[in-house]
Amino acid sequence: AGTHDSFLEAGEFVATVEKRAGLMIGCVEEIAYRNGWIDRERLLHFAKRYSKTDYGKYLKTLAEESVHAL
C-alpha cells in the first residue's frame, strides 16, 4: 500500500507528464478511438458530454486533429 506522500507524488508526476507531452494518461476514449473500437462520431459524443472540462476539450481536439490528418 502506498503512503499519502507517494500518492501525491504519483499525481504530480502524471500532471507533469500530461502537461509537457500534451497528452492525457489513461484516456480510455482516446485508446478506443485510436484502436478503431469507436468512431469519430462517438468520440465527439464523449467530448460533448465532458465539454466543460479539460478532458472534454482534449477529446474534441483529438477528433478535430483526425479530420485534418485525412
Protein backbone atom coordinates (compact mmCIF):
# COMPACT_ATOMS: atom_id res chain seq x y z
CA ALA A 1 0.00 0.00 0.00
CA GLY A 2 1.20 3.47 -0.79
CA THR A 3 1.57 6.36 1.56
CA HIS A 4 -0.22 9.67 1.25
CA ASP A 5 3.03 11.20 0.05
CA SER A 6 3.57 8.54 -2.62
CA PHE A 7 0.04 9.06 -3.97
CA LEU A 8 0.62 12.80 -4.08
CA GLU A 9 3.94 12.30 -5.88
CA ALA A 10 2.29 9.97 -8.40
CA GLY A 11 -0.41 12.53 -9.11
CA GLU A 12 2.14 15.28 -9.57
CA PHE A 13 4.14 13.05 -11.91
CA VAL A 14 1.09 12.31 -14.07
CA ALA A 15 0.15 16.00 -14.18
CA THR A 16 3.69 16.95 -15.22
CA VAL A 17 3.87 14.33 -17.97
CA GLU A 18 0.44 15.30 -19.31
CA LYS A 19 1.33 18.97 -19.36
CA ARG A 20 4.72 18.52 -21.02
CA ALA A 21 3.59 15.93 -23.57
CA GLY A 22 0.17 17.44 -24.24
CA LEU A 23 -1.37 14.00 -23.78
CA MET A 24 -3.80 12.51 -21.29
CA ILE A 25 -2.65 9.43 -19.42
CA GLY A 26 -5.31 6.74 -19.17
CA CYS A 27 -7.77 8.38 -21.57
CA VAL A 28 -9.94 5.36 -22.39
CA GLU A 29 -11.85 7.18 -25.14
CA GLU A 30 -8.60 8.04 -26.90
CA ILE A 31 -7.39 4.46 -26.63
CA ALA A 32 -10.68 3.16 -28.02
CA TYR A 33 -10.62 5.70 -30.85
CA ARG A 34 -7.02 5.04 -31.86
CA ASN A 35 -7.68 1.29 -31.87
CA GLY A 36 -10.77 1.68 -34.04
CA TRP A 37 -13.16 0.50 -31.32
CA ILE A 38 -15.17 3.73 -31.53
CA ASP A 39 -15.56 6.12 -34.45
CA ARG A 40 -15.08 9.88 -34.61
CA GLU A 41 -18.80 10.49 -34.05
CA ARG A 42 -18.73 8.53 -30.79
CA LEU A 43 -15.58 10.36 -29.72
CA LEU A 44 -17.34 13.67 -30.33
CA HIS A 45 -20.28 12.39 -28.26
CA PHE A 46 -17.95 11.94 -25.30
CA ALA A 47 -16.30 15.29 -25.99
CA LYS A 48 -19.70 16.97 -25.81
CA ARG A 49 -20.60 15.10 -22.61
CA TYR A 50 -17.47 16.46 -20.92
CA SER A 51 -17.35 19.75 -22.83
CA LYS A 52 -16.96 21.93 -19.73
CA THR A 53 -13.80 20.13 -18.67
CA ASP A 54 -10.24 19.97 -19.95
CA TYR A 55 -10.88 16.29 -20.61
CA GLY A 56 -13.74 17.09 -22.98
CA LYS A 57 -11.69 19.75 -24.72
CA TYR A 58 -8.90 17.22 -25.17
CA LEU A 59 -11.29 14.72 -26.76
CA LYS A 60 -12.66 17.39 -29.10
CA THR A 61 -9.16 18.39 -30.14
CA LEU A 62 -8.32 14.75 -30.78
CA ALA A 63 -11.37 14.35 -33.02
CA GLU A 64 -10.59 17.58 -34.88
CA GLU A 65 -6.97 16.57 -35.44
CA SER A 66 -8.08 13.31 -37.02
CA VAL A 67 -10.11 15.24 -39.60
CA HIS A 68 -7.11 17.37 -40.53
CA ALA A 69 -4.92 14.28 -40.82
CA LEU A 70 -7.13 12.80 -43.55
